[in-house]
């Protein structure tokens, strides 16, 4: 994972497309901010997948082994 300067969420300038009642329906982002958000999401996904893999690889005793040790 490469190091990068992430844009603070509060710094994202989003414009909204609203319906006739004023309800937000779509968001318009600067393409650079959108790409940075995608990269950040991909990084978090990779971190989560690594954590799952590490958790699955951890050795665990079976219930029978734990009972036998008691």
C-alpha atoms as a PDB file:
ATOM      1  CA  UNK A   1       0.000   0.000   0.000  1.00  0.00           C
ATOM      2  CA  UNK A   2       1.482   3.314  -1.020  1.00  0.00           C
ATOM      3  CA  UNK A   3       1.577   6.343   1.252  1.00  0.00           C
ATOM      4  CA  UNK A   4      -0.396   9.322   0.089  1.00  0.00           C
ATOM      5  CA  UNK A   5      -1.876  12.507   1.424  1.00  0.00           C
ATOM      6  CA  UNK A   6      -5.583  11.899   1.828  1.00  0.00           C
ATOM      7  CA  UNK A   7      -8.088  14.689   1.562  1.00  0.00           C
ATOM      8  CA  UNK A   8      -9.906  15.253   4.836  1.00  0.00           C
ATOM      9  CA  UNK A   9     -13.570  14.393   4.529  1.00  0.00           C
ATOM     10  CA  UNK A  10     -14.447  17.922   5.568  1.00  0.00           C
ATOM     11  CA  UNK A  11     -12.386  19.251   2.647  1.00  0.00           C
ATOM     12  CA  UNK A  12     -14.393  17.394   0.014  1.00  0.00           C
ATOM     13  CA  UNK A  13     -16.496  19.810  -1.941  1.00  0.00           C
ATOM     14  CA  UNK A  14     -19.589  17.925  -3.010  1.00  0.00           C
ATOM     15  CA  UNK A  15     -22.390  19.352  -5.082  1.00  0.00           C
ATOM     16  CA  UNK A  16     -25.789  17.733  -4.968  1.00  0.00           C
ATOM     17  CA  UNK A  17     -28.480  17.246  -7.550  1.00  0.00           C
ATOM     18  CA  UNK A  18     -31.863  17.511  -5.884  1.00  0.00           C
ATOM     19  CA  UNK A  19     -35.370  16.593  -6.925  1.00  0.00           C
ATOM     20  CA  UNK A  20     -38.341  18.976  -7.073  1.00  0.00           C
ATOM     21  CA  UNK A  21     -38.846  18.583  -3.298  1.00  0.00           C
ATOM     22  CA  UNK A  22     -35.234  19.472  -2.541  1.00  0.00           C
ATOM     23  CA  UNK A  23     -34.265  15.896  -1.596  1.00  0.00           C
ATOM     24  CA  UNK A  24     -30.666  15.013  -2.499  1.00  0.00           C
ATOM     25  CA  UNK A  25     -30.616  12.440  -5.291  1.00  0.00           C
ATOM     26  CA  UNK A  26     -27.072  12.504  -6.683  1.00  0.00           C
ATOM     27  CA  UNK A  27     -23.671  13.828  -5.764  1.00  0.00           C
ATOM     28  CA  UNK A  28     -21.112  15.505  -7.999  1.00  0.00           C
ATOM     29  CA  UNK A  29     -17.463  15.364  -6.948  1.00  0.00           C
ATOM     30  CA  UNK A  30     -14.273  16.700  -8.423  1.00  0.00           C
ATOM     31  CA  UNK A  31     -12.718  13.785 -10.356  1.00  0.00           C
ATOM     32  CA  UNK A  32      -9.472  13.982  -8.371  1.00  0.00           C
ATOM     33  CA  UNK A  33     -11.325  13.768  -5.063  1.00  0.00           C
ATOM     34  CA  UNK A  34     -13.448  10.912  -6.413  1.00  0.00           C
ATOM     35  CA  UNK A  35     -10.331   8.981  -7.438  1.00  0.00           C
ATOM     36  CA  UNK A  36      -8.745   9.593  -4.030  1.00  0.00           C
ATOM     37  CA  UNK A  37     -11.903   8.293  -2.337  1.00  0.00           C
ATOM     38  CA  UNK A  38     -11.821   5.172  -4.500  1.00  0.00           C
ATOM     39  CA  UNK A  39      -8.160   4.569  -3.661  1.00  0.00           C
ATOM     40  CA  UNK A  40      -8.902   5.003   0.035  1.00  0.00           C
ATOM     41  CA  UNK A  41     -11.806   2.557  -0.142  1.00  0.00           C
ATOM     42  CA  UNK A  42      -9.581   0.051  -1.952  1.00  0.00           C
ATOM     43  CA  UNK A  43      -6.905   0.455   0.726  1.00  0.00           C
ATOM     44  CA  UNK A  44      -9.425  -0.161   3.504  1.00  0.00           C
ATOM     45  CA  UNK A  45     -10.775  -3.182   1.639  1.00  0.00           C
ATOM     46  CA  UNK A  46      -7.234  -4.579   1.351  1.00  0.00           C
ATOM     47  CA  UNK A  47      -6.657  -4.002   5.076  1.00  0.00           C
ATOM     48  CA  UNK A  48      -9.915  -5.752   5.935  1.00  0.00           C
ATOM     49  CA  UNK A  49      -9.076  -8.701   3.693  1.00  0.00           C
ATOM     50  CA  UNK A  50      -5.626  -9.019   5.292  1.00  0.00           C
ATOM     51  CA  UNK A  51      -7.205  -8.986   8.756  1.00  0.00           C
ATOM     52  CA  UNK A  52      -9.662 -11.717   7.756  1.00  0.00           C
ATOM     53  CA  UNK A  53      -6.849 -13.808   6.281  1.00  0.00           C
ATOM     54  CA  UNK A  54      -4.752 -13.354   9.429  1.00  0.00           C
ATOM     55  CA  UNK A  55      -7.705 -14.290  11.627  1.00  0.00           C
ATOM     56  CA  UNK A  56      -8.421 -17.433   9.592  1.00  0.00           C
ATOM     57  CA  UNK A  57      -4.749 -18.429   9.700  1.00  0.00           C
ATOM     58  CA  UNK A  58      -4.511 -18.091  13.479  1.00  0.00           C
ATOM     59  CA  UNK A  59      -4.241 -21.433  15.161  1.00  0.00           C
ATOM     60  CA  UNK A  60      -7.195 -22.320  17.305  1.00  0.00           C
ATOM     61  CA  UNK A  61      -7.666 -25.264  19.586  1.00  0.00           C
ATOM     62  CA  UNK A  62     -10.682 -27.409  19.123  1.00  0.00           C
ATOM     63  CA  UNK A  63     -13.253 -27.587  21.899  1.00  0.00           C
ATOM     64  CA  UNK A  64     -12.132 -31.144  22.597  1.00  0.00           C
ATOM     65  CA  UNK A  65      -8.497 -30.071  23.069  1.00  0.00           C
ATOM     66  CA  UNK A  66      -9.499 -27.224  25.392  1.00  0.00           C
ATOM     67  CA  UNK A  67     -11.646 -29.592  27.464  1.00  0.00           C
ATOM     68  CA  UNK A  68      -8.830 -32.141  27.596  1.00  0.00           C
ATOM     69  CA  UNK A  69      -6.399 -29.524  28.927  1.00  0.00           C
ATOM     70  CA  UNK A  70      -8.736 -28.525  31.749  1.00  0.00           C
END
